[in-house]
Amino acid sequence: MKRLFQAAIIAVALFAAQSAFADGWVVQRVTAPAKYTQDGENWKAVSPGMTVPNSVWINTGEGGRVLLRRGTDTMLINAYTLVATVERGTDNHPKTTLHQKFGEITVDVKKRDYDQMHVKTPFMAAVVKGTRFSVRGTKMRSTLSVERGLVQVSNAKSGKTGFVGAGGTASIGSTDSSGSMSGRNTSMSSTAAAASAAGLANQAGANGAAQSGNANAGAGNNNAGGNGNGNAGGNGNGNSGGNGNANAGAGNNNAGGNGGGSGRAPND
């Protein structure tokens, strides 16, 4: 375990060496035990008001908790968690990579028009533009839950990619070649392009038109599955707004026109 941790420290340090730093995360609140290290050997206590150095690892013990803030963005590190933050952007264009070995974090970042944050766990990778989400990791599984916005997830082993929207959860285990999805606004596909075609990309921030009663779920992207047998909020009549019109997309080749629509895209 120690050897693997040392390898992770080296990888993070090399990644950080190529980075232009933005403002760091500042500790708002801390409950001991919570320590940080840059070399894996020397540990120091996390203290309120300190700016977390770039690329350090933070480790919390039983009952430990750390709340970090960077501008309007926040990150809560819960008990029994090991995570590193690497900044590689600028103050006006922050880009962050979180390396989470185990434990649980909850992140809230404002929406920006680029991929501002990457989260890496042993089994899962996630790409974030703006959202509130939680990641929990154990020795056997990584689980991501989304409260707001949209997160792209991928299996670290197979590369299979999908999207998780508000109210949705993705879970990937150590032996999984894909991943399991549950809740609303989720889709798992073999490639990122296929997942995007599922029509979920347009639901970021809006949680999808399935909840709004709008027949045009994403302006012509009514098919949550992209294959004519699923629609974003379908009611079995082939339309997403539930208005009895089989052509929910008005020229979109009958989104769900087979009468077998479902509220989310089918998993692989």
Foldseek 3Di string as FASTA:
>chain_A
DLVVVQVVLVVLVVVQVQADAAFAWFWQDKDPPKWKDNRSPDIDGDDHGDGDDAFIKMAHAVQIKTWIDDPPKIKIFGHGWIKHWHWHDYNVQTAIEIETAFGKMKIFAAADPDQRYWYDYPFKIKTDRGFIKMWGGDPWKIKIAGQAFKMKMATPPQRWIAMAHHQKMWMGTPPDNWIDIDGALIEIGRHPVQRVLLLSNQCTRPSWCLVVLQQCTNQLSQRNNNPLQEGQNDDLCQTSNPPNDQQSNVPSVRRNNVSRYDNHHDYD
